[in-house]
Amino acid sequence: QLQLVESGGGLVQPGESLRLSCAASGVTLDYYSVAWFRQAPGKGREGVSYISSVRDLTDYEDSVKGRFTISRDNARNTVILQMSSLKPEDTALYYCAAGGPHHEDTIMVVPSGYDYWGQGTQVTVSS
């Protein structure tokens, strides 16, 4: 059974950076599509960043393009979300999700495509 654990959240000031990690156990993330979603208080779950299952193609929600980078650390069976130039509107609970395995390159932008979810890590951006 694939299990995901997020870490790296915290309280930062606007303009600062954070590095979120999604560590997988039980199954290797090879051939899994992985994504980061976030949910702010009173709002629905929003997709932030996606990485495809084979070629590691990436996609980003418009508001984070140029500021966030998603990548895999295969040696650690982990997916990273590097966040820079953080804004107060980035404040949310950030979730990692995985779906698959997909042996054809697959990138999914809707939550329903993901079968495995972590518990979330809180990111707060405030001065």
Foldseek 3Di string as FASTA:
>chain_A
DKAWAKDWADEAAAQAKIKMKIFIPPDAQQQKKKFKWWDAPPGDIATAKIFKRHPRDIDGDVVQPPFWDWDDDRVRSMIMIIGGSDDQVVWTWMKMFIADNHPPIDIDGDPVRTDYIHPTDTHGYHD
